[in-house]
PDB file of N, CA and C in Angstrom:
ATOM      1  N   MET A   1       9.537  14.637  10.316  1.00  0.00           N
ATOM      2  CA  MET A   1      10.291  14.040   9.225  1.00  0.00           C
ATOM      3  C   MET A   1       9.361  13.149   8.403  1.00  0.00           C
ATOM      4  N   GLN A   2       9.472  13.250   7.110  1.00  0.00           N
ATOM      5  CA  GLN A   2       8.615  12.456   6.241  1.00  0.00           C
ATOM      6  C   GLN A   2       9.358  11.227   5.734  1.00  0.00           C
ATOM      7  N   HIS A   3       8.603  10.156   5.527  1.00  0.00           N
ATOM      8  CA  HIS A   3       9.169   8.894   5.091  1.00  0.00           C
ATOM      9  C   HIS A   3       8.508   8.464   3.787  1.00  0.00           C
ATOM     10  N   GLU A   4       9.253   7.715   2.987  1.00  0.00           N
ATOM     11  CA  GLU A   4       8.739   7.236   1.706  1.00  0.00           C
ATOM     12  C   GLU A   4       8.232   5.807   1.838  1.00  0.00           C
ATOM     13  N   TYR A   5       7.067   5.579   1.251  1.00  0.00           N
ATOM     14  CA  TYR A   5       6.433   4.275   1.229  1.00  0.00           C
ATOM     15  C   TYR A   5       5.974   3.988  -0.191  1.00  0.00           C
ATOM     16  N   LYS A   6       5.720   2.727  -0.473  1.00  0.00           N
ATOM     17  CA  LYS A   6       5.184   2.315  -1.774  1.00  0.00           C
ATOM     18  C   LYS A   6       3.919   1.514  -1.511  1.00  0.00           C
ATOM     19  N   ALA A   7       2.866   1.858  -2.212  1.00  0.00           N
ATOM     20  CA  ALA A   7       1.632   1.076  -2.168  1.00  0.00           C
ATOM     21  C   ALA A   7       1.527   0.362  -3.511  1.00  0.00           C
ATOM     22  N   TYR A   8       1.417  -0.939  -3.458  1.00  0.00           N
ATOM     23  CA  TYR A   8       1.313  -1.737  -4.675  1.00  0.00           C
ATOM     24  C   TYR A   8      -0.110  -2.261  -4.814  1.00  0.00           C
ATOM     25  N   ILE A   9      -0.723  -1.963  -5.956  1.00  0.00           N
ATOM     26  CA  ILE A   9      -2.043  -2.483  -6.280  1.00  0.00           C
ATOM     27  C   ILE A   9      -1.813  -3.830  -6.950  1.00  0.00           C
ATOM     28  N   ILE A  10      -2.373  -4.881  -6.373  1.00  0.00           N
ATOM     29  CA  ILE A  10      -2.171  -6.234  -6.880  1.00  0.00           C
ATOM     30  C   ILE A  10      -3.344  -6.608  -7.773  1.00  0.00           C
ATOM     31  N   GLY A  11      -3.030  -6.982  -9.003  1.00  0.00           N
ATOM     32  CA  GLY A  11      -4.054  -7.359  -9.965  1.00  0.00           C
ATOM     33  C   GLY A  11      -4.621  -8.737  -9.688  1.00  0.00           C
ATOM     34  N   PRO A  12      -5.655  -9.120 -10.434  1.00  0.00           N
ATOM     35  CA  PRO A  12      -6.302 -10.414 -10.229  1.00  0.00           C
ATOM     36  C   PRO A  12      -5.373 -11.609 -10.481  1.00  0.00           C
ATOM     37  N   ASP A  13      -4.303 -11.383 -11.223  1.00  0.00           N
ATOM     38  CA  ASP A  13      -3.348 -12.460 -11.503  1.00  0.00           C
ATOM     39  C   ASP A  13      -2.279 -12.581 -10.415  1.00  0.00           C
ATOM     40  N   GLY A  14      -2.375 -11.726  -9.362  1.00  0.00           N
ATOM     41  CA  GLY A  14      -1.418 -11.783  -8.266  1.00  0.00           C
ATOM     42  C   GLY A  14      -0.161 -10.976  -8.491  1.00  0.00           C
ATOM     43  N   ARG A  15      -0.088 -10.285  -9.615  1.00  0.00           N
ATOM     44  CA  ARG A  15       1.082  -9.456  -9.934  1.00  0.00           C
ATOM     45  C   ARG A  15       0.786  -7.988  -9.669  1.00  0.00           C
ATOM     46  N   VAL A  16       1.843  -7.227  -9.521  1.00  0.00           N
ATOM     47  CA  VAL A  16       1.687  -5.788  -9.296  1.00  0.00           C
ATOM     48  C   VAL A  16       1.114  -5.156 -10.558  1.00  0.00           C
ATOM     49  N   ALA A  17      -0.027  -4.497 -10.397  1.00  0.00           N
ATOM     50  CA  ALA A  17      -0.668  -3.809 -11.508  1.00  0.00           C
ATOM     51  C   ALA A  17      -0.260  -2.336 -11.548  1.00  0.00           C
ATOM     52  N   ARG A  18       0.049  -1.784 -10.365  1.00  0.00           N
ATOM     53  CA  ARG A  18       0.366  -0.361 -10.282  1.00  0.00           C
ATOM     54  C   ARG A  18       1.103  -0.083  -8.979  1.00  0.00           C
ATOM     55  N   ARG A  19       1.970   0.906  -8.990  1.00  0.00           N
ATOM     56  CA  ARG A  19       2.671   1.348  -7.793  1.00  0.00           C
ATOM     57  C   ARG A  19       2.327   2.805  -7.540  1.00  0.00           C
ATOM     58  N   ILE A  20       2.068   3.119  -6.284  1.00  0.00           N
ATOM     59  CA  ILE A  20       1.792   4.495  -5.893  1.00  0.00           C
ATOM     60  C   ILE A  20       2.792   4.875  -4.817  1.00  0.00           C
ATOM     61  N   ASP A  21       3.539   5.932  -5.054  1.00  0.00           N
ATOM     62  CA  ASP A  21       4.518   6.421  -4.086  1.00  0.00           C
ATOM     63  C   ASP A  21       3.802   7.303  -3.067  1.00  0.00           C
ATOM     64  N   LEU A  22       4.071   7.043  -1.802  1.00  0.00           N
ATOM     65  CA  LEU A  22       3.481   7.817  -0.717  1.00  0.00           C
ATOM     66  C   LEU A  22       4.589   8.446   0.124  1.00  0.00           C
ATOM     67  N   VAL A  23       4.369   9.662   0.550  1.00  0.00           N
ATOM     68  CA  VAL A  23       5.275  10.328   1.484  1.00  0.00           C
ATOM     69  C   VAL A  23       4.418  10.717   2.677  1.00  0.00           C
ATOM     70  N   CYS A  24       4.738  10.147   3.832  1.00  0.00           N
ATOM     71  CA  CYS A  24       3.914  10.330   5.024  1.00  0.00           C
ATOM     72  C   CYS A  24       4.789  10.611   6.242  1.00  0.00           C
ATOM     73  N   GLU A  25       4.184  11.248   7.233  1.00  0.00           N
ATOM     74  CA  GLU A  25       4.875  11.544   8.485  1.00  0.00           C
ATOM     75  C   GLU A  25       5.129  10.276   9.292  1.00  0.00           C
ATOM     76  N   THR A  26       4.117   9.402   9.364  1.00  0.00           N
ATOM     77  CA  THR A  26       4.232   8.211  10.195  1.00  0.00           C
ATOM     78  C   THR A  26       3.776   6.972   9.427  1.00  0.00           C
ATOM     79  N   GLU A  27       4.139   5.818   9.958  1.00  0.00           N
ATOM     80  CA  GLU A  27       3.690   4.563   9.359  1.00  0.00           C
ATOM     81  C   GLU A  27       2.174   4.445   9.433  1.00  0.00           C
ATOM     82  N   ASN A  28       1.579   4.914  10.511  1.00  0.00           N
ATOM     83  CA  ASN A  28       0.115   4.873  10.625  1.00  0.00           C
ATOM     84  C   ASN A  28      -0.552   5.727   9.560  1.00  0.00           C
ATOM     85  N   ASP A  29       0.027   6.881   9.247  1.00  0.00           N
ATOM     86  CA  ASP A  29      -0.500   7.715   8.162  1.00  0.00           C
ATOM     87  C   ASP A  29      -0.431   6.961   6.841  1.00  0.00           C
ATOM     88  N   ALA A  30       0.676   6.281   6.602  1.00  0.00           N
ATOM     89  CA  ALA A  30       0.840   5.516   5.365  1.00  0.00           C
ATOM     90  C   ALA A  30      -0.181   4.381   5.299  1.00  0.00           C
ATOM     91  N   ARG A  31      -0.435   3.723   6.418  1.00  0.00           N
ATOM     92  CA  ARG A  31      -1.442   2.651   6.459  1.00  0.00           C
ATOM     93  C   ARG A  31      -2.821   3.193   6.084  1.00  0.00           C
ATOM     94  N   GLU A  32      -3.172   4.321   6.657  1.00  0.00           N
ATOM     95  CA  GLU A  32      -4.487   4.913   6.370  1.00  0.00           C
ATOM     96  C   GLU A  32      -4.622   5.287   4.905  1.00  0.00           C
ATOM     97  N   ARG A  33      -3.580   5.850   4.340  1.00  0.00           N
ATOM     98  CA  ARG A  33      -3.620   6.229   2.918  1.00  0.00           C
ATOM     99  C   ARG A  33      -3.705   5.006   2.027  1.00  0.00           C
ATOM    100  N   ALA A  34      -2.964   3.955   2.373  1.00  0.00           N
ATOM    101  CA  ALA A  34      -3.002   2.722   1.583  1.00  0.00           C
ATOM    102  C   ALA A  34      -4.387   2.076   1.649  1.00  0.00           C
ATOM    103  N   LYS A  35      -5.006   2.088   2.823  1.00  0.00           N
ATOM    104  CA  LYS A  35      -6.363   1.528   2.969  1.00  0.00           C
ATOM    105  C   LYS A  35      -7.345   2.223   2.032  1.00  0.00           C
ATOM    106  N   GLN A  36      -7.169   3.521   1.850  1.00  0.00           N
ATOM    107  CA  GLN A  36      -8.063   4.287   0.983  1.00  0.00           C
ATOM    108  C   GLN A  36      -7.920   3.905  -0.487  1.00  0.00           C
ATOM    109  N   LEU A  37      -6.819   3.245  -0.843  1.00  0.00           N
ATOM    110  CA  LEU A  37      -6.573   2.851  -2.234  1.00  0.00           C
ATOM    111  C   LEU A  37      -7.252   1.529  -2.598  1.00  0.00           C
ATOM    112  N   VAL A  38      -7.733   0.808  -1.589  1.00  0.00           N
ATOM    113  CA  VAL A  38      -8.389  -0.479  -1.849  1.00  0.00           C
ATOM    114  C   VAL A  38      -9.682  -0.214  -2.605  1.00  0.00           C
ATOM    115  N   ASP A  39      -9.769  -0.746  -3.818  1.00  0.00           N
ATOM    116  CA  ASP A  39     -10.951  -0.563  -4.657  1.00  0.00           C
ATOM    117  C   ASP A  39     -11.132  -1.828  -5.487  1.00  0.00           C
ATOM    118  N   GLY A  40     -11.415  -2.927  -4.799  1.00  0.00           N
ATOM    119  CA  GLY A  40     -11.612  -4.187  -5.496  1.00  0.00           C
ATOM    120  C   GLY A  40     -10.341  -4.997  -5.677  1.00  0.00           C
ATOM    121  N   HIS A  41      -9.196  -4.455  -5.259  1.00  0.00           N
ATOM    122  CA  HIS A  41      -7.918  -5.154  -5.390  1.00  0.00           C
ATOM    123  C   HIS A  41      -7.164  -5.112  -4.062  1.00  0.00           C
ATOM    124  N   VAL A  42      -6.316  -6.095  -3.866  1.00  0.00           N
ATOM    125  CA  VAL A  42      -5.431  -6.099  -2.705  1.00  0.00           C
ATOM    126  C   VAL A  42      -4.415  -4.967  -2.858  1.00  0.00           C
ATOM    127  N   VAL A  43      -4.104  -4.308  -1.753  1.00  0.00           N
ATOM    128  CA  VAL A  43      -3.076  -3.268  -1.728  1.00  0.00           C
ATOM    129  C   VAL A  43      -2.040  -3.681  -0.695  1.00  0.00           C
ATOM    130  N   GLU A  44      -0.775  -3.702  -1.109  1.00  0.00           N
ATOM    131  CA  GLU A  44       0.324  -3.985  -0.188  1.00  0.00           C
ATOM    132  C   GLU A  44       1.097  -2.700   0.049  1.00  0.00           C
ATOM    133  N   LEU A  45       1.426  -2.456   1.310  1.00  0.00           N
ATOM    134  CA  LEU A  45       2.194  -1.275   1.693  1.00  0.00           C
ATOM    135  C   LEU A  45       3.597  -1.707   2.077  1.00  0.00           C
ATOM    136  N   TRP A  46       4.591  -1.065   1.466  1.00  0.00           N
ATOM    137  CA  TRP A  46       5.997  -1.394   1.696  1.00  0.00           C
ATOM    138  C   TRP A  46       6.782  -0.139   2.029  1.00  0.00           C
ATOM    139  N   GLN A  47       7.827  -0.341   2.831  1.00  0.00           N
ATOM    140  CA  GLN A  47       8.851   0.694   3.038  1.00  0.00           C
ATOM    141  C   GLN A  47      10.174   0.004   2.769  1.00  0.00           C
ATOM    142  N   GLY A  48      10.785   0.354   1.658  1.00  0.00           N
ATOM    143  CA  GLY A  48      12.001  -0.337   1.231  1.00  0.00           C
ATOM    144  C   GLY A  48      11.669  -1.800   0.965  1.00  0.00           C
ATOM    145  N   ASP A  49      12.423  -2.710   1.577  1.00  0.00           N
ATOM    146  CA  ASP A  49      12.179  -4.139   1.363  1.00  0.00           C
ATOM    147  C   ASP A  49      11.350  -4.759   2.493  1.00  0.00           C
ATOM    148  N   ARG A  50      10.713  -3.909   3.290  1.00  0.00           N
ATOM    149  CA  ARG A  50       9.883  -4.390   4.413  1.00  0.00           C
ATOM    150  C   ARG A  50       8.400  -4.206   4.094  1.00  0.00           C
ATOM    151  N   ARG A  51       7.677  -5.333   4.053  1.00  0.00           N
ATOM    152  CA  ARG A  51       6.240  -5.242   3.850  1.00  0.00           C
ATOM    153  C   ARG A  51       5.601  -4.878   5.188  1.00  0.00           C
ATOM    154  N   ILE A  52       4.853  -3.812   5.179  1.00  0.00           N
ATOM    155  CA  ILE A  52       4.223  -3.308   6.387  1.00  0.00           C
ATOM    156  C   ILE A  52       2.837  -3.925   6.579  1.00  0.00           C
ATOM    157  N   ALA A  53       2.055  -3.958   5.499  1.00  0.00           N
ATOM    158  CA  ALA A  53       0.689  -4.446   5.623  1.00  0.00           C
ATOM    159  C   ALA A  53       0.139  -4.823   4.256  1.00  0.00           C
ATOM    160  N   SER A  54      -0.898  -5.631   4.313  1.00  0.00           N
ATOM    161  CA  SER A  54      -1.649  -5.991   3.114  1.00  0.00           C
ATOM    162  C   SER A  54      -3.116  -5.754   3.413  1.00  0.00           C
ATOM    163  N   PHE A  55      -3.797  -5.065   2.528  1.00  0.00           N
ATOM    164  CA  PHE A  55      -5.202  -4.714   2.724  1.00  0.00           C
ATOM    165  C   PHE A  55      -6.040  -5.427   1.670  1.00  0.00           C
ATOM    166  N   ASP A  56      -6.955  -6.249   2.126  1.00  0.00           N
ATOM    167  CA  ASP A  56      -7.793  -7.066   1.266  1.00  0.00           C
ATOM    168  C   ASP A  56      -9.162  -6.403   1.120  1.00  0.00           C
ATOM    169  N   PRO A  57      -9.658  -6.247  -0.101  1.00  0.00           N
ATOM    170  CA  PRO A  57     -10.960  -5.577  -0.276  1.00  0.00           C
ATOM    171  C   PRO A  57     -12.129  -6.362   0.307  1.00  0.00           C
ATOM    172  N   LYS A  58     -11.920  -7.620   0.620  1.00  0.00           N
ATOM    173  CA  LYS A  58     -13.006  -8.455   1.138  1.00  0.00           C
ATOM    174  C   LYS A  58     -13.230  -8.260   2.620  1.00  0.00           C
ATOM    175  N   HIS A  59     -12.330  -7.555   3.305  1.00  0.00           N
ATOM    176  CA  HIS A  59     -12.456  -7.378   4.762  1.00  0.00           C
ATOM    177  C   HIS A  59     -12.668  -5.937   5.123  1.00  0.00           C
TER     178      HIS A  59
END
């Protein structure tokens, strides 16, 4: 079964700059895909109103 997730690219001002819709089999798959989106900006991964993770480009 596939689940829907949202990856939010956070701009330098702390606001959402872009949203990317993800459809993944598992939460771990969604985490891995969101990590790949980190390119100098923080990426937050959400499922509905639950924040799953935040990925910082500095780490």
